[in-house]
PDB file of N, CA and C in Angstrom:
ATOM      1  N   MET A   1      -9.380  -3.431  14.843  1.00  0.00           N
ATOM      2  CA  MET A   1      -8.201  -3.963  14.207  1.00  0.00           C
ATOM      3  C   MET A   1      -6.987  -3.187  14.708  1.00  0.00           C
ATOM      4  N   ASP A   2      -5.970  -3.912  15.118  1.00  0.00           N
ATOM      5  CA  ASP A   2      -4.736  -3.314  15.600  1.00  0.00           C
ATOM      6  C   ASP A   2      -3.859  -2.964  14.398  1.00  0.00           C
ATOM      7  N   VAL A   3      -3.335  -1.748  14.356  1.00  0.00           N
ATOM      8  CA  VAL A   3      -2.523  -1.291  13.233  1.00  0.00           C
ATOM      9  C   VAL A   3      -1.111  -0.983  13.712  1.00  0.00           C
ATOM     10  N   MET A   4      -0.121  -1.571  13.033  1.00  0.00           N
ATOM     11  CA  MET A   4       1.276  -1.251  13.323  1.00  0.00           C
ATOM     12  C   MET A   4       1.590   0.071  12.617  1.00  0.00           C
ATOM     13  N   ASN A   5       2.013   1.080  13.375  1.00  0.00           N
ATOM     14  CA  ASN A   5       2.301   2.373  12.756  1.00  0.00           C
ATOM     15  C   ASN A   5       3.688   2.347  12.094  1.00  0.00           C
ATOM     16  N   ARG A   6       4.005   3.411  11.413  1.00  0.00           N
ATOM     17  CA  ARG A   6       5.245   3.502  10.638  1.00  0.00           C
ATOM     18  C   ARG A   6       6.485   3.303  11.507  1.00  0.00           C
ATOM     19  N   SER A   7       6.543   3.962  12.651  1.00  0.00           N
ATOM     20  CA  SER A   7       7.702   3.854  13.548  1.00  0.00           C
ATOM     21  C   SER A   7       7.890   2.429  14.050  1.00  0.00           C
ATOM     22  N   GLU A   8       6.791   1.792  14.427  1.00  0.00           N
ATOM     23  CA  GLU A   8       6.871   0.403  14.883  1.00  0.00           C
ATOM     24  C   GLU A   8       7.349  -0.516  13.762  1.00  0.00           C
ATOM     25  N   PHE A   9       6.849  -0.272  12.566  1.00  0.00           N
ATOM     26  CA  PHE A   9       7.248  -1.071  11.403  1.00  0.00           C
ATOM     27  C   PHE A   9       8.746  -0.947  11.145  1.00  0.00           C
ATOM     28  N   ILE A  10       9.239   0.283  11.134  1.00  0.00           N
ATOM     29  CA  ILE A  10      10.661   0.536  10.892  1.00  0.00           C
ATOM     30  C   ILE A  10      11.507  -0.105  11.983  1.00  0.00           C
ATOM     31  N   ARG A  11      11.096   0.033  13.219  1.00  0.00           N
ATOM     32  CA  ARG A  11      11.835  -0.551  14.337  1.00  0.00           C
ATOM     33  C   ARG A  11      11.875  -2.089  14.230  1.00  0.00           C
ATOM     34  N   GLU A  12      10.748  -2.690  13.863  1.00  0.00           N
ATOM     35  CA  GLU A  12      10.671  -4.144  13.736  1.00  0.00           C
ATOM     36  C   GLU A  12      11.551  -4.650  12.590  1.00  0.00           C
ATOM     37  N   VAL A  13      11.522  -3.965  11.456  1.00  0.00           N
ATOM     38  CA  VAL A  13      12.390  -4.343  10.328  1.00  0.00           C
ATOM     39  C   VAL A  13      13.849  -4.213  10.741  1.00  0.00           C
ATOM     40  N   SER A  14      14.177  -3.155  11.441  1.00  0.00           N
ATOM     41  CA  SER A  14      15.537  -2.933  11.915  1.00  0.00           C
ATOM     42  C   SER A  14      16.010  -4.075  12.807  1.00  0.00           C
ATOM     43  N   GLN A  15      15.165  -4.493  13.731  1.00  0.00           N
ATOM     44  CA  GLN A  15      15.529  -5.574  14.645  1.00  0.00           C
ATOM     45  C   GLN A  15      15.673  -6.902  13.922  1.00  0.00           C
ATOM     46  N   ARG A  16      14.724  -7.219  13.054  1.00  0.00           N
ATOM     47  CA  ARG A  16      14.757  -8.515  12.364  1.00  0.00           C
ATOM     48  C   ARG A  16      15.923  -8.614  11.384  1.00  0.00           C
ATOM     49  N   ALA A  17      16.233  -7.512  10.709  1.00  0.00           N
ATOM     50  CA  ALA A  17      17.309  -7.521   9.713  1.00  0.00           C
ATOM     51  C   ALA A  17      18.669  -7.160  10.313  1.00  0.00           C
ATOM     52  N   ARG A  18      18.652  -6.735  11.580  1.00  0.00           N
ATOM     53  CA  ARG A  18      19.871  -6.294  12.264  1.00  0.00           C
ATOM     54  C   ARG A  18      20.557  -5.171  11.479  1.00  0.00           C
ATOM     55  N   ILE A  19      19.740  -4.171  11.147  1.00  0.00           N
ATOM     56  CA  ILE A  19      20.190  -2.977  10.431  1.00  0.00           C
ATOM     57  C   ILE A  19      19.806  -1.778  11.290  1.00  0.00           C
ATOM     58  N   GLU A  20      20.618  -0.744  11.243  1.00  0.00           N
ATOM     59  CA  GLU A  20      20.326   0.473  12.014  1.00  0.00           C
ATOM     60  C   GLU A  20      18.975   1.066  11.598  1.00  0.00           C
ATOM     61  N   VAL A  21      18.251   1.608  12.565  1.00  0.00           N
ATOM     62  CA  VAL A  21      16.938   2.203  12.329  1.00  0.00           C
ATOM     63  C   VAL A  21      17.024   3.306  11.274  1.00  0.00           C
ATOM     64  N   GLU A  22      18.060   4.119  11.334  1.00  0.00           N
ATOM     65  CA  GLU A  22      18.221   5.226  10.372  1.00  0.00           C
ATOM     66  C   GLU A  22      18.351   4.703   8.950  1.00  0.00           C
ATOM     67  N   ASP A  23      19.045   3.581   8.780  1.00  0.00           N
ATOM     68  CA  ASP A  23      19.202   2.994   7.445  1.00  0.00           C
ATOM     69  C   ASP A  23      17.879   2.455   6.923  1.00  0.00           C
ATOM     70  N   VAL A  24      17.123   1.791   7.794  1.00  0.00           N
ATOM     71  CA  VAL A  24      15.812   1.276   7.397  1.00  0.00           C
ATOM     72  C   VAL A  24      14.888   2.432   7.037  1.00  0.00           C
ATOM     73  N   GLN A  25      14.924   3.498   7.823  1.00  0.00           N
ATOM     74  CA  GLN A  25      14.077   4.658   7.555  1.00  0.00           C
ATOM     75  C   GLN A  25      14.417   5.273   6.195  1.00  0.00           C
ATOM     76  N   LYS A  26      15.700   5.364   5.889  1.00  0.00           N
ATOM     77  CA  LYS A  26      16.122   5.925   4.595  1.00  0.00           C
ATOM     78  C   LYS A  26      15.644   5.034   3.443  1.00  0.00           C
ATOM     79  N   ILE A  27      15.723   3.716   3.632  1.00  0.00           N
ATOM     80  CA  ILE A  27      15.266   2.778   2.604  1.00  0.00           C
ATOM     81  C   ILE A  27      13.759   2.914   2.391  1.00  0.00           C
ATOM     82  N   ILE A  28      13.002   3.011   3.481  1.00  0.00           N
ATOM     83  CA  ILE A  28      11.541   3.150   3.389  1.00  0.00           C
ATOM     84  C   ILE A  28      11.175   4.453   2.680  1.00  0.00           C
ATOM     85  N   GLU A  29      11.822   5.554   3.048  1.00  0.00           N
ATOM     86  CA  GLU A  29      11.535   6.849   2.419  1.00  0.00           C
ATOM     87  C   GLU A  29      11.855   6.817   0.930  1.00  0.00           C
ATOM     88  N   THR A  30      12.974   6.202   0.566  1.00  0.00           N
ATOM     89  CA  THR A  30      13.357   6.089  -0.842  1.00  0.00           C
ATOM     90  C   THR A  30      12.349   5.220  -1.590  1.00  0.00           C
ATOM     91  N   SER A  31      11.884   4.147  -0.947  1.00  0.00           N
ATOM     92  CA  SER A  31      10.886   3.264  -1.558  1.00  0.00           C
ATOM     93  C   SER A  31       9.576   4.006  -1.795  1.00  0.00           C
ATOM     94  N   GLU A  32       9.170   4.820  -0.835  1.00  0.00           N
ATOM     95  CA  GLU A  32       7.945   5.608  -0.995  1.00  0.00           C
ATOM     96  C   GLU A  32       8.065   6.574  -2.166  1.00  0.00           C
ATOM     97  N   ASP A  33       9.217   7.236  -2.285  1.00  0.00           N
ATOM     98  CA  ASP A  33       9.452   8.151  -3.413  1.00  0.00           C
ATOM     99  C   ASP A  33       9.373   7.409  -4.743  1.00  0.00           C
ATOM    100  N   LEU A  34       9.982   6.226  -4.790  1.00  0.00           N
ATOM    101  CA  LEU A  34       9.971   5.421  -6.009  1.00  0.00           C
ATOM    102  C   LEU A  34       8.552   4.986  -6.362  1.00  0.00           C
ATOM    103  N   LEU A  35       7.781   4.564  -5.360  1.00  0.00           N
ATOM    104  CA  LEU A  35       6.385   4.190  -5.602  1.00  0.00           C
ATOM    105  C   LEU A  35       5.596   5.361  -6.184  1.00  0.00           C
ATOM    106  N   MET A  36       5.741   6.549  -5.590  1.00  0.00           N
ATOM    107  CA  MET A  36       5.009   7.721  -6.080  1.00  0.00           C
ATOM    108  C   MET A  36       5.408   8.066  -7.507  1.00  0.00           C
ATOM    109  N   ASP A  37       6.706   7.989  -7.817  1.00  0.00           N
ATOM    110  CA  ASP A  37       7.165   8.250  -9.183  1.00  0.00           C
ATOM    111  C   ASP A  37       6.505   7.293 -10.165  1.00  0.00           C
ATOM    112  N   CYS A  38       6.473   6.008  -9.807  1.00  0.00           N
ATOM    113  CA  CYS A  38       5.850   5.013 -10.682  1.00  0.00           C
ATOM    114  C   CYS A  38       4.356   5.265 -10.823  1.00  0.00           C
ATOM    115  N   PHE A  39       3.671   5.578  -9.725  1.00  0.00           N
ATOM    116  CA  PHE A  39       2.239   5.823  -9.776  1.00  0.00           C
ATOM    117  C   PHE A  39       1.914   7.044 -10.629  1.00  0.00           C
ATOM    118  N   HIS A  40       2.718   8.092 -10.530  1.00  0.00           N
ATOM    119  CA  HIS A  40       2.491   9.296 -11.341  1.00  0.00           C
ATOM    120  C   HIS A  40       2.659   8.999 -12.824  1.00  0.00           C
ATOM    121  N   LYS A  41       3.497   8.009 -13.141  1.00  0.00           N
ATOM    122  CA  LYS A  41       3.705   7.602 -14.541  1.00  0.00           C
ATOM    123  C   LYS A  41       2.692   6.548 -14.978  1.00  0.00           C
ATOM    124  N   GLY A  42       1.823   6.118 -14.058  1.00  0.00           N
ATOM    125  CA  GLY A  42       0.805   5.130 -14.392  1.00  0.00           C
ATOM    126  C   GLY A  42       1.310   3.696 -14.379  1.00  0.00           C
ATOM    127  N   ARG A  43       2.436   3.448 -13.740  1.00  0.00           N
ATOM    128  CA  ARG A  43       3.027   2.106 -13.699  1.00  0.00           C
ATOM    129  C   ARG A  43       2.636   1.378 -12.421  1.00  0.00           C
ATOM    130  N   ALA A  44       2.332   0.094 -12.543  1.00  0.00           N
ATOM    131  CA  ALA A  44       2.068  -0.745 -11.383  1.00  0.00           C
ATOM    132  C   ALA A  44       3.412  -1.191 -10.808  1.00  0.00           C
ATOM    133  N   VAL A  45       3.421  -1.516  -9.526  1.00  0.00           N
ATOM    134  CA  VAL A  45       4.646  -1.919  -8.840  1.00  0.00           C
ATOM    135  C   VAL A  45       4.354  -3.155  -7.980  1.00  0.00           C
ATOM    136  N   ARG A  46       5.285  -4.099  -7.978  1.00  0.00           N
ATOM    137  CA  ARG A  46       5.178  -5.265  -7.098  1.00  0.00           C
ATOM    138  C   ARG A  46       6.312  -5.163  -6.080  1.00  0.00           C
ATOM    139  N   PRO A  47       6.110  -4.394  -4.985  1.00  0.00           N
ATOM    140  CA  PRO A  47       7.184  -4.164  -4.017  1.00  0.00           C
ATOM    141  C   PRO A  47       7.470  -5.365  -3.122  1.00  0.00           C
ATOM    142  N   PHE A  48       6.501  -6.240  -2.963  1.00  0.00           N
ATOM    143  CA  PHE A  48       6.670  -7.434  -2.142  1.00  0.00           C
ATOM    144  C   PHE A  48       6.150  -8.619  -2.943  1.00  0.00           C
ATOM    145  N   TYR A  49       6.677  -9.792  -2.657  1.00  0.00           N
ATOM    146  CA  TYR A  49       6.226 -10.986  -3.350  1.00  0.00           C
ATOM    147  C   TYR A  49       4.725 -11.177  -3.137  1.00  0.00           C
ATOM    148  N   GLY A  50       3.985 -11.268  -4.226  1.00  0.00           N
ATOM    149  CA  GLY A  50       2.559 -11.532  -4.147  1.00  0.00           C
ATOM    150  C   GLY A  50       1.666 -10.323  -3.985  1.00  0.00           C
ATOM    151  N   ILE A  51       2.243  -9.129  -3.873  1.00  0.00           N
ATOM    152  CA  ILE A  51       1.448  -7.909  -3.714  1.00  0.00           C
ATOM    153  C   ILE A  51       1.778  -6.945  -4.848  1.00  0.00           C
ATOM    154  N   THR A  52       0.768  -6.605  -5.640  1.00  0.00           N
ATOM    155  CA  THR A  52       0.952  -5.642  -6.723  1.00  0.00           C
ATOM    156  C   THR A  52       0.125  -4.405  -6.421  1.00  0.00           C
ATOM    157  N   LEU A  53       0.742  -3.246  -6.501  1.00  0.00           N
ATOM    158  CA  LEU A  53       0.059  -1.961  -6.301  1.00  0.00           C
ATOM    159  C   LEU A  53      -0.136  -1.338  -7.674  1.00  0.00           C
ATOM    160  N   LYS A  54      -1.371  -1.076  -8.032  1.00  0.00           N
ATOM    161  CA  LYS A  54      -1.690  -0.609  -9.385  1.00  0.00           C
ATOM    162  C   LYS A  54      -2.455   0.711  -9.317  1.00  0.00           C
ATOM    163  N   PRO A  55      -1.895   1.783  -9.891  1.00  0.00           N
ATOM    164  CA  PRO A  55      -2.609   3.056  -9.870  1.00  0.00           C
ATOM    165  C   PRO A  55      -3.793   3.012 -10.833  1.00  0.00           C
ATOM    166  N   ARG A  56      -4.851   3.717 -10.478  1.00  0.00           N
ATOM    167  CA  ARG A  56      -5.996   3.814 -11.375  1.00  0.00           C
ATOM    168  C   ARG A  56      -6.674   5.163 -11.185  1.00  0.00           C
ATOM    169  N   GLN A  57      -7.358   5.586 -12.207  1.00  0.00           N
ATOM    170  CA  GLN A  57      -8.054   6.863 -12.216  1.00  0.00           C
ATOM    171  C   GLN A  57      -9.514   6.649 -11.852  1.00  0.00           C
ATOM    172  N   VAL A  58     -10.030   7.430 -10.916  1.00  0.00           N
ATOM    173  CA  VAL A  58     -11.454   7.413 -10.578  1.00  0.00           C
ATOM    174  C   VAL A  58     -12.071   8.614 -11.285  1.00  0.00           C
ATOM    175  N   LYS A  59     -13.059   8.353 -12.105  1.00  0.00           N
ATOM    176  CA  LYS A  59     -13.673   9.419 -12.895  1.00  0.00           C
ATOM    177  C   LYS A  59     -14.700  10.188 -12.082  1.00  0.00           C
ATOM    178  N   ASP A  60     -15.014  11.395 -12.578  1.00  0.00           N
ATOM    179  CA  ASP A  60     -16.070  12.203 -11.975  1.00  0.00           C
ATOM    180  C   ASP A  60     -17.355  11.390 -11.880  1.00  0.00           C
ATOM    181  N   GLY A  61     -18.112  11.655 -10.849  1.00  0.00           N
ATOM    182  CA  GLY A  61     -19.407  10.992 -10.751  1.00  0.00           C
ATOM    183  C   GLY A  61     -19.923  10.959  -9.333  1.00  0.00           C
ATOM    184  N   GLU A  62     -21.049  10.318  -9.183  1.00  0.00           N
ATOM    185  CA  GLU A  62     -21.650  10.162  -7.866  1.00  0.00           C
ATOM    186  C   GLU A  62     -21.372   8.742  -7.388  1.00  0.00           C
ATOM    187  N   TYR A  63     -20.847   8.636  -6.180  1.00  0.00           N
ATOM    188  CA  TYR A  63     -20.493   7.343  -5.620  1.00  0.00           C
ATOM    189  C   TYR A  63     -21.117   7.198  -4.241  1.00  0.00           C
ATOM    190  N   LEU A  64     -21.293   5.964  -3.827  1.00  0.00           N
ATOM    191  CA  LEU A  64     -21.874   5.668  -2.527  1.00  0.00           C
ATOM    192  C   LEU A  64     -20.771   5.596  -1.478  1.00  0.00           C
ATOM    193  N   ASN A  65     -20.904   6.382  -0.415  1.00  0.00           N
ATOM    194  CA  ASN A  65     -19.972   6.316   0.702  1.00  0.00           C
ATOM    195  C   ASN A  65     -20.278   5.029   1.469  1.00  0.00           C
ATOM    196  N   PRO A  66     -19.311   4.098   1.553  1.00  0.00           N
ATOM    197  CA  PRO A  66     -19.606   2.809   2.180  1.00  0.00           C
ATOM    198  C   PRO A  66     -19.888   2.886   3.685  1.00  0.00           C
ATOM    199  N   LYS A  67     -19.411   3.922   4.350  1.00  0.00           N
ATOM    200  CA  LYS A  67     -19.646   4.048   5.794  1.00  0.00           C
ATOM    201  C   LYS A  67     -21.001   4.656   6.094  1.00  0.00           C
ATOM    202  N   THR A  68     -21.307   5.764   5.412  1.00  0.00           N
ATOM    203  CA  THR A  68     -22.553   6.485   5.713  1.00  0.00           C
ATOM    204  C   THR A  68     -23.697   6.120   4.774  1.00  0.00           C
ATOM    205  N   LEU A  69     -23.371   5.451   3.660  1.00  0.00           N
ATOM    206  CA  LEU A  69     -24.327   5.085   2.618  1.00  0.00           C
ATOM    207  C   LEU A  69     -24.958   6.304   1.951  1.00  0.00           C
ATOM    208  N   ASP A  70     -24.304   7.467   2.082  1.00  0.00           N
ATOM    209  CA  ASP A  70     -24.742   8.672   1.388  1.00  0.00           C
ATOM    210  C   ASP A  70     -24.140   8.691  -0.010  1.00  0.00           C
ATOM    211  N   VAL A  71     -24.843   9.287  -0.941  1.00  0.00           N
ATOM    212  CA  VAL A  71     -24.314   9.487  -2.287  1.00  0.00           C
ATOM    213  C   VAL A  71     -23.507  10.777  -2.271  1.00  0.00           C
ATOM    214  N   VAL A  72     -22.238  10.689  -2.708  1.00  0.00           N
ATOM    215  CA  VAL A  72     -21.367  11.861  -2.704  1.00  0.00           C
ATOM    216  C   VAL A  72     -20.820  12.112  -4.102  1.00  0.00           C
ATOM    217  N   GLU A  73     -20.582  13.380  -4.400  1.00  0.00           N
ATOM    218  CA  GLU A  73     -20.002  13.794  -5.678  1.00  0.00           C
ATOM    219  C   GLU A  73     -18.486  13.671  -5.582  1.00  0.00           C
ATOM    220  N   VAL A  74     -17.879  12.958  -6.531  1.00  0.00           N
ATOM    221  CA  VAL A  74     -16.435  12.741  -6.520  1.00  0.00           C
ATOM    222  C   VAL A  74     -15.837  13.291  -7.801  1.00  0.00           C
ATOM    223  N   LYS A  75     -14.742  14.050  -7.662  1.00  0.00           N
ATOM    224  CA  LYS A  75     -14.049  14.602  -8.829  1.00  0.00           C
ATOM    225  C   LYS A  75     -12.957  13.634  -9.265  1.00  0.00           C
ATOM    226  N   ASN A  76     -12.427  13.848 -10.466  1.00  0.00           N
ATOM    227  CA  ASN A  76     -11.322  13.026 -10.972  1.00  0.00           C
ATOM    228  C   ASN A  76     -10.216  12.951  -9.934  1.00  0.00           C
ATOM    229  N   ARG A  77      -9.742  11.737  -9.665  1.00  0.00           N
ATOM    230  CA  ARG A  77      -8.626  11.576  -8.736  1.00  0.00           C
ATOM    231  C   ARG A  77      -7.962  10.235  -8.996  1.00  0.00           C
ATOM    232  N   LYS A  78      -6.763  10.109  -8.488  1.00  0.00           N
ATOM    233  CA  LYS A  78      -6.027   8.858  -8.603  1.00  0.00           C
ATOM    234  C   LYS A  78      -6.141   8.082  -7.296  1.00  0.00           C
ATOM    235  N   THR A  79      -6.126   6.761  -7.418  1.00  0.00           N
ATOM    236  CA  THR A  79      -6.110   5.887  -6.259  1.00  0.00           C
ATOM    237  C   THR A  79      -5.255   4.675  -6.605  1.00  0.00           C
ATOM    238  N   VAL A  80      -5.068   3.798  -5.649  1.00  0.00           N
ATOM    239  CA  VAL A  80      -4.241   2.616  -5.868  1.00  0.00           C
ATOM    240  C   VAL A  80      -5.041   1.374  -5.514  1.00  0.00           C
ATOM    241  N   SER A  81      -5.030   0.399  -6.416  1.00  0.00           N
ATOM    242  CA  SER A  81      -5.647  -0.898  -6.152  1.00  0.00           C
ATOM    243  C   SER A  81      -4.564  -1.854  -5.666  1.00  0.00           C
ATOM    244  N   VAL A  82      -4.924  -2.709  -4.740  1.00  0.00           N
ATOM    245  CA  VAL A  82      -4.002  -3.716  -4.231  1.00  0.00           C
ATOM    246  C   VAL A  82      -4.449  -5.070  -4.763  1.00  0.00           C
ATOM    247  N   LEU A  83      -3.556  -5.737  -5.499  1.00  0.00           N
ATOM    248  CA  LEU A  83      -3.841  -7.054  -6.046  1.00  0.00           C
ATOM    249  C   LEU A  83      -2.980  -8.075  -5.316  1.00  0.00           C
ATOM    250  N   LEU A  84      -3.614  -9.121  -4.778  1.00  0.00           N
ATOM    251  CA  LEU A  84      -2.891 -10.151  -4.045  1.00  0.00           C
ATOM    252  C   LEU A  84      -2.867 -11.434  -4.863  1.00  0.00           C
ATOM    253  N   SER A  85      -1.696 -12.058  -4.931  1.00  0.00           N
ATOM    254  CA  SER A  85      -1.578 -13.307  -5.665  1.00  0.00           C
ATOM    255  C   SER A  85      -2.262 -14.433  -4.898  1.00  0.00           C
ATOM    256  N   THR A  86      -2.556 -15.507  -5.594  1.00  0.00           N
ATOM    257  CA  THR A  86      -3.165 -16.674  -4.965  1.00  0.00           C
ATOM    258  C   THR A  86      -2.255 -17.230  -3.879  1.00  0.00           C
ATOM    259  N   THR A  87      -0.965 -17.305  -4.163  1.00  0.00           N
ATOM    260  CA  THR A  87      -0.003 -17.817  -3.186  1.00  0.00           C
ATOM    261  C   THR A  87       0.002 -16.957  -1.938  1.00  0.00           C
ATOM    262  N   PHE A  88      -0.032 -15.641  -2.103  1.00  0.00           N
ATOM    263  CA  PHE A  88      -0.052 -14.740  -0.949  1.00  0.00           C
ATOM    264  C   PHE A  88      -1.306 -14.967  -0.107  1.00  0.00           C
ATOM    265  N   ARG A  89      -2.456 -15.082  -0.762  1.00  0.00           N
ATOM    266  CA  ARG A  89      -3.714 -15.300  -0.037  1.00  0.00           C
ATOM    267  C   ARG A  89      -3.706 -16.634   0.693  1.00  0.00           C
ATOM    268  N   GLN A  90      -3.107 -17.647   0.079  1.00  0.00           N
ATOM    269  CA  GLN A  90      -3.008 -18.951   0.744  1.00  0.00           C
ATOM    270  C   GLN A  90      -2.138 -18.848   1.994  1.00  0.00           C
ATOM    271  N   ARG A  91      -0.999 -18.170   1.872  1.00  0.00           N
ATOM    272  CA  ARG A  91      -0.125 -17.971   3.046  1.00  0.00           C
ATOM    273  C   ARG A  91      -0.827 -17.184   4.142  1.00  0.00           C
ATOM    274  N   LEU A  92      -1.597 -16.181   3.730  1.00  0.00           N
ATOM    275  CA  LEU A  92      -2.322 -15.344   4.678  1.00  0.00           C
ATOM    276  C   LEU A  92      -3.330 -16.166   5.479  1.00  0.00           C
ATOM    277  N   ASN A  93      -3.946 -17.135   4.829  1.00  0.00           N
ATOM    278  CA  ASN A  93      -4.992 -17.927   5.467  1.00  0.00           C
ATOM    279  C   ASN A  93      -4.490 -19.219   6.100  1.00  0.00           C
ATOM    280  N   GLU A  94      -3.190 -19.431   6.123  1.00  0.00           N
ATOM    281  CA  GLU A  94      -2.654 -20.608   6.794  1.00  0.00           C
ATOM    282  C   GLU A  94      -2.884 -20.477   8.295  1.00  0.00           C
ATOM    283  N   VAL A  95      -3.141 -21.591   8.924  1.00  0.00           N
ATOM    284  CA  VAL A  95      -3.362 -21.618  10.363  1.00  0.00           C
ATOM    285  C   VAL A  95      -2.013 -21.627  11.056  1.00  0.00           C
ATOM    286  N   ASP A  96      -1.856 -20.748  12.051  1.00  0.00           N
ATOM    287  CA  ASP A  96      -0.588 -20.672  12.799  1.00  0.00           C
ATOM    288  C   ASP A  96      -0.411 -21.869  13.693  1.00  0.00           C
TER     289      ASP A  96
END
């Protein structure tokens, strides 16, 4: 799978929106800070239409590593679930 890295993403947004790269970078950094603040408070965020980012707590326990299929001990930690709306999934699966 080909992955667009952060720099490429910022450059592409800059070109499409006709905004300076530095301004886009500042907006992205501020957005990341805002997301982290919300996640630390336990609040879900919908930063883009059809995409909701929801923080959740993973409890202590033994979990299966999906790559190695080994059972590993996991301590309490936070993670983020991504919820996609039906409309978003339909757009994603449209034929180009």
